[in-house]
Amino acid sequence: MDMSDRKNADETASDLLGSAAQRAASDLLDLAAQLADLTEDLKALAAKPIVPPSTLLLEPDDQSRASSSSSFRGAASRVS
């Protein structure tokens, strides 16, 4: 390998490193933006009151499904 080939290889490696660094910085900025959005979503959820299931109003049809699914969960836990 002569000096010109080595110089070209060094420049190519340097260009690749620079490109990789820019890509990594861009990816980190994207991640930071996603985390900021998630933080806002969590703040909004934290501001909402938690309603216990017993105080939720269910339609009569929903109540029959809820009771049958809870009996199914009980049967499944006995099998396990």
C-alpha atoms as a PDB file:
ATOM      1  CA  MET A   1       0.000   0.000   0.000  1.00  0.00           C
ATOM      2  CA  ASP A   2       1.563   3.304  -1.035  1.00  0.00           C
ATOM      3  CA  MET A   3       1.147   6.626   0.775  1.00  0.00           C
ATOM      4  CA  SER A   4      -1.707   7.880  -1.442  1.00  0.00           C
ATOM      5  CA  ASP A   5      -3.745   4.728  -0.795  1.00  0.00           C
ATOM      6  CA  ARG A   6      -3.138   5.044   2.932  1.00  0.00           C
ATOM      7  CA  LYS A   7      -4.130   8.727   2.886  1.00  0.00           C
ATOM      8  CA  ASN A   8      -7.353   7.876   1.002  1.00  0.00           C
ATOM      9  CA  ALA A   9      -8.133   5.097   3.479  1.00  0.00           C
ATOM     10  CA  ASP A  10      -7.551   7.451   6.424  1.00  0.00           C
ATOM     11  CA  GLU A  11      -9.818  10.097   4.885  1.00  0.00           C
ATOM     12  CA  THR A  12     -12.523   7.508   4.203  1.00  0.00           C
ATOM     13  CA  ALA A  13     -12.306   6.213   7.778  1.00  0.00           C
ATOM     14  CA  SER A  14     -12.447   9.763   9.091  1.00  0.00           C
ATOM     15  CA  ASP A  15     -15.499  10.511   6.954  1.00  0.00           C
ATOM     16  CA  LEU A  16     -17.203   7.341   8.170  1.00  0.00           C
ATOM     17  CA  LEU A  17     -16.472   8.202  11.793  1.00  0.00           C
ATOM     18  CA  GLY A  18     -17.856  11.695  11.325  1.00  0.00           C
ATOM     19  CA  SER A  19     -20.960  10.334   9.665  1.00  0.00           C
ATOM     20  CA  ALA A  20     -21.456   7.771  12.429  1.00  0.00           C
ATOM     21  CA  ALA A  21     -21.047  10.455  15.087  1.00  0.00           C
ATOM     22  CA  GLN A  22     -23.638  12.658  13.389  1.00  0.00           C
ATOM     23  CA  ARG A  23     -26.019   9.732  13.096  1.00  0.00           C
ATOM     24  CA  ALA A  24     -25.550   8.836  16.769  1.00  0.00           C
ATOM     25  CA  ALA A  25     -26.163  12.448  17.814  1.00  0.00           C
ATOM     26  CA  SER A  26     -29.315  12.564  15.698  1.00  0.00           C
ATOM     27  CA  ASP A  27     -30.545   9.287  17.191  1.00  0.00           C
ATOM     28  CA  LEU A  28     -29.921  10.607  20.705  1.00  0.00           C
ATOM     29  CA  LEU A  29     -31.876  13.767  19.942  1.00  0.00           C
ATOM     30  CA  ASP A  30     -34.766  11.658  18.627  1.00  0.00           C
ATOM     31  CA  LEU A  31     -34.683   9.544  21.769  1.00  0.00           C
ATOM     32  CA  ALA A  32     -34.658  12.638  23.975  1.00  0.00           C
ATOM     33  CA  ALA A  33     -37.705  13.990  22.122  1.00  0.00           C
ATOM     34  CA  GLN A  34     -39.542  10.681  22.577  1.00  0.00           C
ATOM     35  CA  LEU A  35     -38.724  10.673  26.279  1.00  0.00           C
ATOM     36  CA  ALA A  36     -39.998  14.250  26.603  1.00  0.00           C
ATOM     37  CA  ASP A  37     -43.275  13.202  24.933  1.00  0.00           C
ATOM     38  CA  LEU A  38     -43.529  10.204  27.247  1.00  0.00           C
ATOM     39  CA  THR A  39     -42.957  12.464  30.247  1.00  0.00           C
ATOM     40  CA  GLU A  40     -45.835  14.693  29.150  1.00  0.00           C
ATOM     41  CA  ASP A  41     -48.096  11.659  28.669  1.00  0.00           C
ATOM     42  CA  LEU A  42     -47.208  10.362  32.135  1.00  0.00           C
ATOM     43  CA  LYS A  43     -47.895  13.775  33.683  1.00  0.00           C
ATOM     44  CA  ALA A  44     -51.310  13.827  32.024  1.00  0.00           C
ATOM     45  CA  LEU A  45     -52.078  10.315  33.298  1.00  0.00           C
ATOM     46  CA  ALA A  46     -50.911  11.190  36.794  1.00  0.00           C
ATOM     47  CA  ALA A  47     -53.315  14.143  36.863  1.00  0.00           C
ATOM     48  CA  LYS A  48     -56.325  11.899  36.223  1.00  0.00           C
ATOM     49  CA  PRO A  49     -58.044  10.394  39.263  1.00  0.00           C
ATOM     50  CA  ILE A  50     -58.059   6.632  39.642  1.00  0.00           C
ATOM     51  CA  VAL A  51     -61.598   5.285  39.647  1.00  0.00           C
ATOM     52  CA  PRO A  52     -62.075   2.006  41.524  1.00  0.00           C
ATOM     53  CA  PRO A  53     -63.748  -0.651  39.354  1.00  0.00           C
ATOM     54  CA  SER A  54     -66.707  -0.987  41.721  1.00  0.00           C
ATOM     55  CA  THR A  55     -67.770   2.604  41.020  1.00  0.00           C
ATOM     56  CA  LEU A  56     -67.744   2.232  37.247  1.00  0.00           C
ATOM     57  CA  LEU A  57     -71.165   2.047  35.657  1.00  0.00           C
ATOM     58  CA  LEU A  58     -71.561  -1.066  33.557  1.00  0.00           C
ATOM     59  CA  GLU A  59     -74.334  -1.842  31.128  1.00  0.00           C
ATOM     60  CA  PRO A  60     -76.414  -4.909  32.164  1.00  0.00           C
ATOM     61  CA  ASP A  61     -74.859  -6.937  29.334  1.00  0.00           C
ATOM     62  CA  ASP A  62     -71.384  -5.905  30.477  1.00  0.00           C
ATOM     63  CA  GLN A  63     -72.126  -6.976  34.045  1.00  0.00           C
ATOM     64  CA  SER A  64     -72.996 -10.513  32.955  1.00  0.00           C
ATOM     65  CA  ARG A  65     -69.778 -10.707  30.900  1.00  0.00           C
ATOM     66  CA  ALA A  66     -67.743  -9.346  33.817  1.00  0.00           C
ATOM     67  CA  SER A  67     -69.121 -11.952  36.221  1.00  0.00           C
ATOM     68  CA  SER A  68     -68.568 -14.818  33.787  1.00  0.00           C
ATOM     69  CA  SER A  69     -64.991 -13.707  33.051  1.00  0.00           C
ATOM     70  CA  SER A  70     -64.199 -13.422  36.758  1.00  0.00           C
ATOM     71  CA  SER A  71     -65.468 -16.964  37.355  1.00  0.00           C
ATOM     72  CA  PHE A  72     -63.296 -18.102  34.445  1.00  0.00           C
ATOM     73  CA  ARG A  73     -60.246 -16.447  36.047  1.00  0.00           C
ATOM     74  CA  GLY A  74     -61.013 -18.250  39.275  1.00  0.00           C
ATOM     75  CA  ALA A  75     -61.237 -21.589  37.504  1.00  0.00           C
ATOM     76  CA  ALA A  76     -58.015 -20.904  35.658  1.00  0.00           C
ATOM     77  CA  SER A  77     -56.189 -20.122  38.886  1.00  0.00           C
ATOM     78  CA  ARG A  78     -57.341 -23.411  40.421  1.00  0.00           C
ATOM     79  CA  VAL A  79     -55.984 -25.328  37.405  1.00  0.00           C
ATOM     80  CA  SER A  80     -52.541 -23.700  37.562  1.00  0.00           C
END
